[in-house]
Amino acid sequence: MRQALALAAGVQGAVGPNPRVGCVLVAPDGTVVGRGAHHGAGSPHAEAVALAQAGESARGATAYVTLEPCNHHGRTPPCALALIDAGVAAVRFAIPDPTTSAGGAQTCRQAGLEVAEGPLAEEARAFLAPWLFAVEHNRPFVTCKVASTLDGYIAAADGSSRWITGPAARSWVQGLRAQVDAVAVGAGTYRIDDPQLTVRDFPVVRQPARYVLGDVHAEGFSTIPGRDVTAALHTMYDDGVRHLLLEGGATIIAAFLRADLVDDLVWFTAPKLLGAGTSAVGDLGVTSIDSAVSWHVTAVERIGDDVMIRSRRA
């Protein structure tokens, strides 16, 4: 199962609306005969990739899958039936599928396969947390990334902002982009910075979708006009986005924070001082320390000369 999780984690690029899934097929003698991972909607599921690699060796094997095999007729056939037809003897899956594609475990049991749930369930839930959150709440899981100076500015008084953080931090963010379904900025950031919002440091099967939120024409981007960030998230969810990376600027980040729509905050602090400029976050309506928005720190890491603090809502 650890190998299956590693296969899923190794998938680079957008996969929404589907989750990242890995599968390993093990023969009765303990030999791994097939490995597979899912690379996005319309592409073969992890089980199908592993079965194709295993061929006849799949007969009598045990399938280790990070998510319950699907039982859904969609762009691809149900994985449960594929496992049955291949003669797989047993299925071990980490966590059940919470969507309408569920039911694969029962189908396999009814066909006489030995089925067990739970190996490395905690690790699988942590890995799939953004996708699980999205399907439960019918909106994308939102990771917000901020890069500021020590005194909390994201741009100097003249508007310049390249580069506040160093190359190591920027490469780390490229890796983060490779793990989400979409990247978004506000209209102001788009006008000022003309960002690419693409993954350039890592090979990806599919680039994340790019959104500009606000009233602006953005060539090559999907635009969502207006200021209703909740409605914008529902639009993106309908587009297949399950994990969104919000990269600024201050106004749109404040709007998401005020609406309690930031689930994961990644804050880079560079060892620089500006003294004036654009604050990292706009007005949150907070007037006292007692009403401050509190967060729980989940990770602190030095990346190059910069410090990254990752937090979830307390």
C-alpha atoms as a PDB file:
ATOM      1  CA  MET A   1       0.000   0.000   0.000  1.00  0.00           C
ATOM      2  CA  ARG A   2       2.911   2.357   0.651  1.00  0.00           C
ATOM      3  CA  GLN A   3       4.036   1.761  -2.919  1.00  0.00           C
ATOM      4  CA  ALA A   4       0.519   2.528  -4.143  1.00  0.00           C
ATOM      5  CA  LEU A   5       0.459   5.791  -2.168  1.00  0.00           C
ATOM      6  CA  ALA A   6       3.868   6.715  -3.566  1.00  0.00           C
ATOM      7  CA  LEU A   7       2.591   6.105  -7.099  1.00  0.00           C
ATOM      8  CA  ALA A   8      -0.392   8.379  -6.460  1.00  0.00           C
ATOM      9  CA  ALA A   9       1.807  11.075  -4.931  1.00  0.00           C
ATOM     10  CA  GLY A  10       4.104  10.947  -7.942  1.00  0.00           C
ATOM     11  CA  VAL A  11       1.389  12.127 -10.333  1.00  0.00           C
ATOM     12  CA  GLN A  12       2.256  15.665 -11.442  1.00  0.00           C
ATOM     13  CA  GLY A  13      -0.367  17.970 -12.924  1.00  0.00           C
ATOM     14  CA  ALA A  14      -4.084  18.592 -12.625  1.00  0.00           C
ATOM     15  CA  VAL A  15      -6.287  15.506 -12.283  1.00  0.00           C
ATOM     16  CA  GLY A  16      -9.647  16.998 -11.179  1.00  0.00           C
ATOM     17  CA  PRO A  17     -12.414  16.179 -10.832  1.00  0.00           C
ATOM     18  CA  ASN A  18     -10.868  12.785 -10.092  1.00  0.00           C
ATOM     19  CA  PRO A  19      -8.531  11.959  -7.199  1.00  0.00           C
ATOM     20  CA  ARG A  20      -4.923  10.826  -7.405  1.00  0.00           C
ATOM     21  CA  VAL A  21      -4.997   7.034  -7.016  1.00  0.00           C
ATOM     22  CA  GLY A  22      -2.287   4.390  -7.036  1.00  0.00           C
ATOM     23  CA  CYS A  23      -2.526   0.608  -7.439  1.00  0.00           C
ATOM     24  CA  VAL A  24      -0.033  -2.228  -6.947  1.00  0.00           C
ATOM     25  CA  LEU A  25      -0.706  -5.861  -7.939  1.00  0.00           C
ATOM     26  CA  VAL A  26       1.118  -8.531  -5.947  1.00  0.00           C
ATOM     27  CA  ALA A  27       1.292 -12.179  -7.065  1.00  0.00           C
ATOM     28  CA  PRO A  28       0.774 -15.029  -4.543  1.00  0.00           C
ATOM     29  CA  ASP A  29       4.555 -15.430  -4.225  1.00  0.00           C
ATOM     30  CA  GLY A  30       4.936 -11.772  -3.193  1.00  0.00           C
ATOM     31  CA  THR A  31       6.210 -10.505  -6.534  1.00  0.00           C
ATOM     32  CA  VAL A  32       4.906  -7.142  -7.700  1.00  0.00           C
ATOM     33  CA  VAL A  33       3.459  -7.790 -11.164  1.00  0.00           C
ATOM     34  CA  GLY A  34       1.751  -4.485 -11.912  1.00  0.00           C
ATOM     35  CA  ARG A  35       1.850  -0.839 -10.900  1.00  0.00           C
ATOM     36  CA  GLY A  36      -0.389   2.014 -11.971  1.00  0.00           C
ATOM     37  CA  ALA A  37      -1.511   5.550 -11.201  1.00  0.00           C
ATOM     38  CA  HIS A  38      -4.380   7.684 -12.461  1.00  0.00           C
ATOM     39  CA  HIS A  39      -3.431  10.835 -14.377  1.00  0.00           C
ATOM     40  CA  GLY A  40      -6.786  12.576 -14.721  1.00  0.00           C
ATOM     41  CA  ALA A  41     -10.315  12.416 -16.075  1.00  0.00           C
ATOM     42  CA  GLY A  42     -10.617  10.309 -19.216  1.00  0.00           C
ATOM     43  CA  SER A  43      -7.299   8.528 -18.733  1.00  0.00           C
ATOM     44  CA  PRO A  44      -7.114   4.906 -17.512  1.00  0.00           C
ATOM     45  CA  HIS A  45      -7.658   4.418 -13.811  1.00  0.00           C
ATOM     46  CA  ALA A  46      -4.816   3.154 -11.643  1.00  0.00           C
ATOM     47  CA  GLU A  47      -6.217  -0.381 -11.524  1.00  0.00           C
ATOM     48  CA  ALA A  48      -6.504  -0.543 -15.325  1.00  0.00           C
ATOM     49  CA  VAL A  49      -2.892   0.599 -15.757  1.00  0.00           C
ATOM     50  CA  ALA A  50      -1.646  -1.997 -13.271  1.00  0.00           C
ATOM     51  CA  LEU A  51      -3.738  -4.769 -14.860  1.00  0.00           C
ATOM     52  CA  ALA A  52      -2.431  -3.925 -18.328  1.00  0.00           C
ATOM     53  CA  GLN A  53       1.122  -4.127 -17.030  1.00  0.00           C
ATOM     54  CA  ALA A  54       0.489  -7.425 -15.243  1.00  0.00           C
ATOM     55  CA  GLY A  55      -1.307  -9.215 -18.070  1.00  0.00           C
ATOM     56  CA  GLU A  56      -1.977 -12.864 -17.211  1.00  0.00           C
ATOM     57  CA  SER A  57       0.070 -12.469 -14.027  1.00  0.00           C
ATOM     58  CA  ALA A  58      -2.886 -10.597 -12.517  1.00  0.00           C
ATOM     59  CA  ARG A  59      -4.751 -13.896 -12.101  1.00  0.00           C
ATOM     60  CA  GLY A  60      -4.677 -14.846  -8.424  1.00  0.00           C
ATOM     61  CA  ALA A  61      -2.965 -11.583  -7.432  1.00  0.00           C
ATOM     62  CA  THR A  62      -3.881  -9.170  -4.646  1.00  0.00           C
ATOM     63  CA  ALA A  63      -4.654  -5.578  -5.629  1.00  0.00           C
ATOM     64  CA  TYR A  64      -3.573  -2.816  -3.247  1.00  0.00           C
ATOM     65  CA  VAL A  65      -5.451   0.392  -4.101  1.00  0.00           C
ATOM     66  CA  THR A  66      -5.385   3.727  -2.279  1.00  0.00           C
ATOM     67  CA  LEU A  67      -9.124   4.285  -2.881  1.00  0.00           C
ATOM     68  CA  GLU A  68     -12.001   1.815  -3.173  1.00  0.00           C
ATOM     69  CA  PRO A  69     -12.225   0.592  -6.792  1.00  0.00           C
ATOM     70  CA  CYS A  70     -14.924   2.460  -8.672  1.00  0.00           C
ATOM     71  CA  ASN A  71     -18.196   0.843  -9.671  1.00  0.00           C
ATOM     72  CA  HIS A  72     -19.175   3.535 -12.158  1.00  0.00           C
ATOM     73  CA  HIS A  73     -19.729   3.380 -15.910  1.00  0.00           C
ATOM     74  CA  GLY A  74     -18.300   6.683 -17.170  1.00  0.00           C
ATOM     75  CA  ARG A  75     -15.477   7.642 -19.513  1.00  0.00           C
ATOM     76  CA  THR A  76     -13.745   4.447 -18.391  1.00  0.00           C
ATOM     77  CA  PRO A  77     -15.225   1.048 -17.387  1.00  0.00           C
ATOM     78  CA  PRO A  78     -15.717   0.192 -13.679  1.00  0.00           C
ATOM     79  CA  CYS A  79     -12.464  -0.851 -12.042  1.00  0.00           C
ATOM     80  CA  ALA A  80     -14.277  -3.406  -9.894  1.00  0.00           C
ATOM     81  CA  LEU A  81     -15.356  -5.327 -12.996  1.00  0.00           C
ATOM     82  CA  ALA A  82     -11.875  -5.041 -14.507  1.00  0.00           C
ATOM     83  CA  LEU A  83     -10.345  -6.614 -11.396  1.00  0.00           C
ATOM     84  CA  ILE A  84     -12.931  -9.394 -11.423  1.00  0.00           C
ATOM     85  CA  ASP A  85     -12.496 -10.114 -15.133  1.00  0.00           C
ATOM     86  CA  ALA A  86      -8.704 -10.255 -14.734  1.00  0.00           C
ATOM     87  CA  GLY A  87      -9.009 -12.988 -12.118  1.00  0.00           C
ATOM     88  CA  VAL A  88      -7.658 -10.963  -9.202  1.00  0.00           C
ATOM     89  CA  ALA A  89      -8.164 -12.947  -5.995  1.00  0.00           C
ATOM     90  CA  ALA A  90      -8.170 -10.193  -3.369  1.00  0.00           C
ATOM     91  CA  VAL A  91      -8.523  -6.436  -3.040  1.00  0.00           C
ATOM     92  CA  ARG A  92      -7.090  -4.253  -0.279  1.00  0.00           C
ATOM     93  CA  PHE A  93      -8.129  -0.593  -0.382  1.00  0.00           C
ATOM     94  CA  ALA A  94      -7.106   2.170   2.022  1.00  0.00           C
ATOM     95  CA  ILE A  95     -10.342   4.184   2.235  1.00  0.00           C
ATOM     96  CA  PRO A  96     -13.864   3.946   0.795  1.00  0.00           C
ATOM     97  CA  ASP A  97     -14.994   6.106  -2.118  1.00  0.00           C
ATOM     98  CA  PRO A  98     -17.420   8.781  -0.809  1.00  0.00           C
ATOM     99  CA  THR A  99     -18.836   9.596  -4.254  1.00  0.00           C
ATOM    100  CA  THR A 100     -21.503   8.036  -6.462  1.00  0.00           C
ATOM    101  CA  SER A 101     -18.744   5.885  -7.978  1.00  0.00           C
ATOM    102  CA  ALA A 102     -18.677   3.846  -4.756  1.00  0.00           C
ATOM    103  CA  GLY A 103     -19.783   0.236  -4.483  1.00  0.00           C
ATOM    104  CA  GLY A 104     -16.762  -1.452  -5.994  1.00  0.00           C
ATOM    105  CA  ALA A 105     -15.931  -3.269  -2.772  1.00  0.00           C
ATOM    106  CA  GLN A 106     -19.374  -4.859  -2.591  1.00  0.00           C
ATOM    107  CA  THR A 107     -19.262  -5.825  -6.268  1.00  0.00           C
ATOM    108  CA  CYS A 108     -15.913  -7.549  -5.729  1.00  0.00           C
ATOM    109  CA  ARG A 109     -17.195  -9.373  -2.642  1.00  0.00           C
ATOM    110  CA  GLN A 110     -20.247 -10.603  -4.501  1.00  0.00           C
ATOM    111  CA  ALA A 111     -17.945 -11.989  -7.196  1.00  0.00           C
ATOM    112  CA  GLY A 112     -16.052 -14.004  -4.587  1.00  0.00           C
ATOM    113  CA  LEU A 113     -12.973 -11.810  -4.139  1.00  0.00           C
ATOM    114  CA  GLU A 114     -11.500 -11.383  -0.675  1.00  0.00           C
ATOM    115  CA  VAL A 115     -11.910  -7.683   0.165  1.00  0.00           C
ATOM    116  CA  ALA A 116     -10.466  -5.711   3.087  1.00  0.00           C
ATOM    117  CA  GLU A 117     -10.536  -2.011   3.931  1.00  0.00           C
ATOM    118  CA  GLY A 118      -8.117   0.005   5.967  1.00  0.00           C
ATOM    119  CA  PRO A 119      -4.408  -0.560   5.284  1.00  0.00           C
ATOM    120  CA  LEU A 120      -2.757   2.865   5.799  1.00  0.00           C
ATOM    121  CA  ALA A 121      -6.169   4.547   5.974  1.00  0.00           C
ATOM    122  CA  GLU A 122      -4.847   7.520   7.961  1.00  0.00           C
ATOM    123  CA  GLU A 123      -2.078   8.194   5.451  1.00  0.00           C
ATOM    124  CA  ALA A 124      -4.478   7.859   2.518  1.00  0.00           C
ATOM    125  CA  ARG A 125      -6.975  10.273   4.092  1.00  0.00           C
ATOM    126  CA  ALA A 126      -4.230  12.818   4.698  1.00  0.00           C
ATOM    127  CA  PHE A 127      -2.998  12.497   1.121  1.00  0.00           C
ATOM    128  CA  LEU A 128      -6.501  12.813  -0.357  1.00  0.00           C
ATOM    129  CA  ALA A 129      -7.664  15.459   2.151  1.00  0.00           C
ATOM    130  CA  PRO A 130      -8.213  18.241  -0.433  1.00  0.00           C
ATOM    131  CA  TRP A 131     -10.242  15.980  -2.730  1.00  0.00           C
ATOM    132  CA  LEU A 132     -12.240  14.471   0.143  1.00  0.00           C
ATOM    133  CA  PHE A 133     -13.026  17.968   1.441  1.00  0.00           C
ATOM    134  CA  ALA A 134     -14.138  19.108  -2.001  1.00  0.00           C
ATOM    135  CA  VAL A 135     -16.555  16.256  -2.616  1.00  0.00           C
ATOM    136  CA  GLU A 136     -18.017  16.668   0.886  1.00  0.00           C
ATOM    137  CA  HIS A 137     -18.516  20.449   0.652  1.00  0.00           C
ATOM    138  CA  ASN A 138     -19.222  20.774  -3.085  1.00  0.00           C
ATOM    139  CA  ARG A 139     -16.504  23.379  -3.521  1.00  0.00           C
ATOM    140  CA  PRO A 140     -12.759  23.282  -4.146  1.00  0.00           C
ATOM    141  CA  PHE A 141     -10.349  22.976  -1.255  1.00  0.00           C
ATOM    142  CA  VAL A 142      -8.520  26.326  -1.218  1.00  0.00           C
ATOM    143  CA  THR A 143      -4.804  26.674  -0.595  1.00  0.00           C
ATOM    144  CA  CYS A 144      -3.746  30.323  -0.375  1.00  0.00           C
ATOM    145  CA  LYS A 145      -0.113  31.247  -1.030  1.00  0.00           C
ATOM    146  CA  VAL A 146       1.380  34.545   0.165  1.00  0.00           C
ATOM    147  CA  ALA A 147       4.947  35.815  -0.238  1.00  0.00           C
ATOM    148  CA  SER A 148       5.813  38.863   1.862  1.00  0.00           C
ATOM    149  CA  THR A 149       8.685  40.763   3.412  1.00  0.00           C
ATOM    150  CA  LEU A 150       9.444  40.658   7.133  1.00  0.00           C
ATOM    151  CA  ASP A 151       7.253  43.725   7.591  1.00  0.00           C
ATOM    152  CA  GLY A 152       4.329  42.205   5.728  1.00  0.00           C
ATOM    153  CA  TYR A 153       4.482  43.761   2.259  1.00  0.00           C
ATOM    154  CA  ILE A 154       3.938  41.933  -1.025  1.00  0.00           C
ATOM    155  CA  ALA A 155       5.035  44.852  -3.219  1.00  0.00           C
ATOM    156  CA  ALA A 156       7.133  47.994  -2.856  1.00  0.00           C
ATOM    157  CA  ALA A 157       5.746  51.522  -2.952  1.00  0.00           C
ATOM    158  CA  ASP A 158       6.429  51.691  -6.706  1.00  0.00           C
ATOM    159  CA  GLY A 159       4.408  48.498  -7.267  1.00  0.00           C
ATOM    160  CA  SER A 160       7.386  46.227  -7.957  1.00  0.00           C
ATOM    161  CA  SER A 161       7.208  42.730  -6.482  1.00  0.00           C
ATOM    162  CA  ARG A 162       9.689  40.562  -8.435  1.00  0.00           C
ATOM    163  CA  TRP A 163      11.189  38.938  -6.643  1.00  0.00           C
ATOM    164  CA  ILE A 164      10.395  39.056  -2.946  1.00  0.00           C
ATOM    165  CA  THR A 165      11.305  35.419  -2.327  1.00  0.00           C
ATOM    166  CA  GLY A 166      14.339  33.575  -3.619  1.00  0.00           C
ATOM    167  CA  PRO A 167      14.630  30.892  -6.319  1.00  0.00           C
ATOM    168  CA  ALA A 168      14.268  27.966  -3.897  1.00  0.00           C
ATOM    169  CA  ALA A 169      10.926  29.239  -2.604  1.00  0.00           C
ATOM    170  CA  ARG A 170       9.698  29.956  -6.110  1.00  0.00           C
ATOM    171  CA  SER A 171      10.628  26.422  -7.186  1.00  0.00           C
ATOM    172  CA  TRP A 172       8.745  25.049  -4.165  1.00  0.00           C
ATOM    173  CA  VAL A 173       5.648  26.940  -5.308  1.00  0.00           C
ATOM    174  CA  GLN A 174       6.066  25.411  -8.767  1.00  0.00           C
ATOM    175  CA  GLY A 175       5.823  22.017  -7.088  1.00  0.00           C
ATOM    176  CA  LEU A 176       2.683  23.131  -5.274  1.00  0.00           C
ATOM    177  CA  ARG A 177       1.115  24.224  -8.568  1.00  0.00           C
ATOM    178  CA  ALA A 178       1.854  20.762  -9.949  1.00  0.00           C
ATOM    179  CA  GLN A 179      -0.384  19.255  -7.241  1.00  0.00           C
ATOM    180  CA  VAL A 180      -3.515  21.385  -7.761  1.00  0.00           C
ATOM    181  CA  ASP A 181      -6.274  21.515 -10.356  1.00  0.00           C
ATOM    182  CA  ALA A 182      -6.351  25.293 -10.792  1.00  0.00           C
ATOM    183  CA  VAL A 183      -4.510  28.495  -9.926  1.00  0.00           C
ATOM    184  CA  ALA A 184      -6.304  31.815  -9.458  1.00  0.00           C
ATOM    185  CA  VAL A 185      -5.482  35.488  -8.956  1.00  0.00           C
ATOM    186  CA  GLY A 186      -7.554  38.627  -8.656  1.00  0.00           C
ATOM    187  CA  ALA A 187      -8.044  41.094 -11.488  1.00  0.00           C
ATOM    188  CA  GLY A 188      -5.666  43.627  -9.936  1.00  0.00           C
ATOM    189  CA  THR A 189      -2.806  41.151  -9.682  1.00  0.00           C
ATOM    190  CA  TYR A 190      -3.413  40.072 -13.262  1.00  0.00           C
ATOM    191  CA  ARG A 191      -3.241  43.670 -14.534  1.00  0.00           C
ATOM    192  CA  ILE A 192      -0.110  44.561 -12.569  1.00  0.00           C
ATOM    193  CA  ASP A 193       1.948  41.354 -12.708  1.00  0.00           C
ATOM    194  CA  ASP A 194       0.716  39.659 -15.924  1.00  0.00           C
ATOM    195  CA  PRO A 195       1.414  36.262 -14.285  1.00  0.00           C
ATOM    196  CA  GLN A 196       1.762  32.990 -16.177  1.00  0.00           C
ATOM    197  CA  LEU A 197       0.516  30.745 -13.329  1.00  0.00           C
ATOM    198  CA  THR A 198       1.915  27.671 -15.087  1.00  0.00           C
ATOM    199  CA  VAL A 199       4.112  24.792 -13.921  1.00  0.00           C
ATOM    200  CA  ARG A 200       7.520  25.241 -15.529  1.00  0.00           C
ATOM    201  CA  ASP A 201       9.995  23.452 -13.255  1.00  0.00           C
ATOM    202  CA  PHE A 202       8.318  20.030 -13.336  1.00  0.00           C
ATOM    203  CA  PRO A 203       6.943  17.846 -16.149  1.00  0.00           C
ATOM    204  CA  VAL A 204       3.153  17.615 -15.873  1.00  0.00           C
ATOM    205  CA  VAL A 205       0.590  15.637 -17.850  1.00  0.00           C
ATOM    206  CA  ARG A 206      -1.883  18.507 -17.662  1.00  0.00           C
ATOM    207  CA  GLN A 207      -1.319  22.112 -16.585  1.00  0.00           C
ATOM    208  CA  PRO A 208      -3.629  23.461 -13.876  1.00  0.00           C
ATOM    209  CA  ALA A 209      -6.511  25.584 -15.117  1.00  0.00           C
ATOM    210  CA  ARG A 210      -5.891  29.341 -14.800  1.00  0.00           C
ATOM    211  CA  TYR A 211      -8.515  31.732 -13.463  1.00  0.00           C
ATOM    212  CA  VAL A 212      -8.735  35.482 -13.020  1.00  0.00           C
ATOM    213  CA  LEU A 213     -11.396  36.555 -10.539  1.00  0.00           C
ATOM    214  CA  GLY A 214     -12.939  39.930 -11.314  1.00  0.00           C
ATOM    215  CA  ASP A 215     -14.040  42.138 -14.164  1.00  0.00           C
ATOM    216  CA  VAL A 216     -11.174  41.906 -16.630  1.00  0.00           C
ATOM    217  CA  HIS A 217     -10.418  40.396 -20.036  1.00  0.00           C
ATOM    218  CA  ALA A 218      -7.570  37.905 -19.653  1.00  0.00           C
ATOM    219  CA  GLU A 219      -6.371  36.169 -22.806  1.00  0.00           C
ATOM    220  CA  GLY A 220      -5.801  32.456 -22.219  1.00  0.00           C
ATOM    221  CA  PHE A 221      -7.402  32.500 -18.764  1.00  0.00           C
ATOM    222  CA  SER A 222     -10.864  31.600 -17.551  1.00  0.00           C
ATOM    223  CA  THR A 223     -12.428  34.702 -16.037  1.00  0.00           C
ATOM    224  CA  ILE A 224     -15.148  34.847 -13.402  1.00  0.00           C
ATOM    225  CA  PRO A 225     -16.585  38.375 -13.135  1.00  0.00           C
ATOM    226  CA  GLY A 226     -18.015  39.952 -10.025  1.00  0.00           C
ATOM    227  CA  ARG A 227     -16.974  39.866  -6.381  1.00  0.00           C
ATOM    228  CA  ASP A 228     -18.876  36.853  -5.068  1.00  0.00           C
ATOM    229  CA  VAL A 229     -16.039  34.498  -4.161  1.00  0.00           C
ATOM    230  CA  THR A 230     -18.428  31.779  -2.970  1.00  0.00           C
ATOM    231  CA  ALA A 231     -20.145  31.742  -6.358  1.00  0.00           C
ATOM    232  CA  ALA A 232     -16.732  31.741  -8.044  1.00  0.00           C
ATOM    233  CA  LEU A 233     -15.745  28.601  -6.146  1.00  0.00           C
ATOM    234  CA  HIS A 234     -18.955  26.846  -7.161  1.00  0.00           C
ATOM    235  CA  THR A 235     -18.253  27.760 -10.796  1.00  0.00           C
ATOM    236  CA  MET A 236     -14.786  26.256 -10.540  1.00  0.00           C
ATOM    237  CA  TYR A 237     -16.164  23.137  -8.852  1.00  0.00           C
ATOM    238  CA  ASP A 238     -18.576  22.683 -11.749  1.00  0.00           C
ATOM    239  CA  ASP A 239     -15.545  23.027 -14.051  1.00  0.00           C
ATOM    240  CA  GLY A 240     -13.942  20.027 -12.330  1.00  0.00           C
ATOM    241  CA  VAL A 241     -11.649  21.893  -9.928  1.00  0.00           C
ATOM    242  CA  ARG A 242     -11.231  20.110  -6.609  1.00  0.00           C
ATOM    243  CA  HIS A 243      -8.063  21.809  -5.325  1.00  0.00           C
ATOM    244  CA  LEU A 244      -7.490  25.516  -5.962  1.00  0.00           C
ATOM    245  CA  LEU A 245      -4.305  27.486  -5.360  1.00  0.00           C
ATOM    246  CA  LEU A 246      -5.052  31.173  -4.707  1.00  0.00           C
ATOM    247  CA  GLU A 247      -1.981  33.322  -5.357  1.00  0.00           C
ATOM    248  CA  GLY A 248      -3.176  36.875  -4.682  1.00  0.00           C
ATOM    249  CA  GLY A 249      -3.407  39.707  -4.482  1.00  0.00           C
ATOM    250  CA  ALA A 250      -4.255  41.344  -1.189  1.00  0.00           C
ATOM    251  CA  THR A 251      -7.845  42.247  -2.062  1.00  0.00           C
ATOM    252  CA  ILE A 252      -8.944  38.837  -3.319  1.00  0.00           C
ATOM    253  CA  ILE A 253      -7.134  37.056  -0.475  1.00  0.00           C
ATOM    254  CA  ALA A 254      -8.952  39.267   2.038  1.00  0.00           C
ATOM    255  CA  ALA A 255     -12.265  38.468   0.336  1.00  0.00           C
ATOM    256  CA  PHE A 256     -11.622  34.728   0.683  1.00  0.00           C
ATOM    257  CA  LEU A 257     -10.516  35.120   4.299  1.00  0.00           C
ATOM    258  CA  ARG A 258     -13.565  37.213   5.213  1.00  0.00           C
ATOM    259  CA  ALA A 259     -15.787  34.526   3.684  1.00  0.00           C
ATOM    260  CA  ASP A 260     -13.899  31.804   5.622  1.00  0.00           C
ATOM    261  CA  LEU A 261     -12.965  30.109   2.355  1.00  0.00           C
ATOM    262  CA  VAL A 262      -9.220  29.586   2.876  1.00  0.00           C
ATOM    263  CA  ASP A 263      -8.559  26.048   4.073  1.00  0.00           C
ATOM    264  CA  ASP A 264      -4.764  25.944   3.878  1.00  0.00           C
ATOM    265  CA  LEU A 265      -2.509  29.021   4.217  1.00  0.00           C
ATOM    266  CA  VAL A 266       1.051  28.867   2.882  1.00  0.00           C
ATOM    267  CA  TRP A 267       2.969  32.001   3.875  1.00  0.00           C
ATOM    268  CA  PHE A 268       6.509  32.707   2.705  1.00  0.00           C
ATOM    269  CA  THR A 269       8.449  35.393   4.552  1.00  0.00           C
ATOM    270  CA  ALA A 270      11.574  36.812   2.929  1.00  0.00           C
ATOM    271  CA  PRO A 271      14.352  38.443   5.008  1.00  0.00           C
ATOM    272  CA  LYS A 272      13.707  41.864   3.506  1.00  0.00           C
ATOM    273  CA  LEU A 273      12.239  45.148   4.756  1.00  0.00           C
ATOM    274  CA  LEU A 274      10.347  47.705   2.680  1.00  0.00           C
ATOM    275  CA  GLY A 275       8.774  50.034   5.226  1.00  0.00           C
ATOM    276  CA  ALA A 276       5.973  50.896   2.822  1.00  0.00           C
ATOM    277  CA  GLY A 277       4.100  49.345  -0.065  1.00  0.00           C
ATOM    278  CA  THR A 278       1.195  46.944  -0.546  1.00  0.00           C
ATOM    279  CA  SER A 279       0.174  44.966   2.537  1.00  0.00           C
ATOM    280  CA  ALA A 280      -0.088  41.210   2.106  1.00  0.00           C
ATOM    281  CA  VAL A 281      -3.743  41.069   3.130  1.00  0.00           C
ATOM    282  CA  GLY A 282      -6.507  43.637   2.724  1.00  0.00           C
ATOM    283  CA  ASP A 283      -9.035  44.709   5.341  1.00  0.00           C
ATOM    284  CA  LEU A 284     -10.519  41.776   7.247  1.00  0.00           C
ATOM    285  CA  GLY A 285     -12.834  43.862   9.381  1.00  0.00           C
ATOM    286  CA  VAL A 286     -10.813  43.019  12.497  1.00  0.00           C
ATOM    287  CA  THR A 287     -10.760  45.841  15.056  1.00  0.00           C
ATOM    288  CA  SER A 288      -9.156  44.199  18.091  1.00  0.00           C
ATOM    289  CA  ILE A 289      -6.750  41.443  19.049  1.00  0.00           C
ATOM    290  CA  ASP A 290      -9.669  39.522  20.539  1.00  0.00           C
ATOM    291  CA  SER A 291     -11.308  39.292  17.103  1.00  0.00           C
ATOM    292  CA  ALA A 292      -8.140  38.325  15.227  1.00  0.00           C
ATOM    293  CA  VAL A 293      -8.456  35.425  12.798  1.00  0.00           C
ATOM    294  CA  SER A 294      -6.605  32.514  14.427  1.00  0.00           C
ATOM    295  CA  TRP A 295      -4.735  29.733  12.645  1.00  0.00           C
ATOM    296  CA  HIS A 296      -3.067  26.475  13.640  1.00  0.00           C
ATOM    297  CA  VAL A 297       0.495  26.071  12.367  1.00  0.00           C
ATOM    298  CA  THR A 298       1.009  22.713  10.662  1.00  0.00           C
ATOM    299  CA  ALA A 299       4.536  23.179   9.286  1.00  0.00           C
ATOM    300  CA  VAL A 300       7.487  25.551   9.466  1.00  0.00           C
ATOM    301  CA  GLU A 301      10.321  25.153   6.991  1.00  0.00           C
ATOM    302  CA  ARG A 302      13.313  27.159   5.846  1.00  0.00           C
ATOM    303  CA  ILE A 303      13.472  27.131   2.049  1.00  0.00           C
ATOM    304  CA  GLY A 304      16.600  28.832   0.801  1.00  0.00           C
ATOM    305  CA  ASP A 305      16.783  32.193   2.581  1.00  0.00           C
ATOM    306  CA  ASP A 306      13.013  32.314   3.107  1.00  0.00           C
ATOM    307  CA  VAL A 307      10.775  30.802   5.778  1.00  0.00           C
ATOM    308  CA  MET A 308       7.527  29.006   4.946  1.00  0.00           C
ATOM    309  CA  ILE A 309       4.792  28.731   7.563  1.00  0.00           C
ATOM    310  CA  ARG A 310       1.839  26.513   6.679  1.00  0.00           C
ATOM    311  CA  SER A 311      -1.380  26.837   8.673  1.00  0.00           C
ATOM    312  CA  ARG A 312      -4.971  25.619   8.883  1.00  0.00           C
ATOM    313  CA  ARG A 313      -7.870  27.445  10.500  1.00  0.00           C
ATOM    314  CA  ALA A 314      -7.834  26.971  14.281  1.00  0.00           C
END
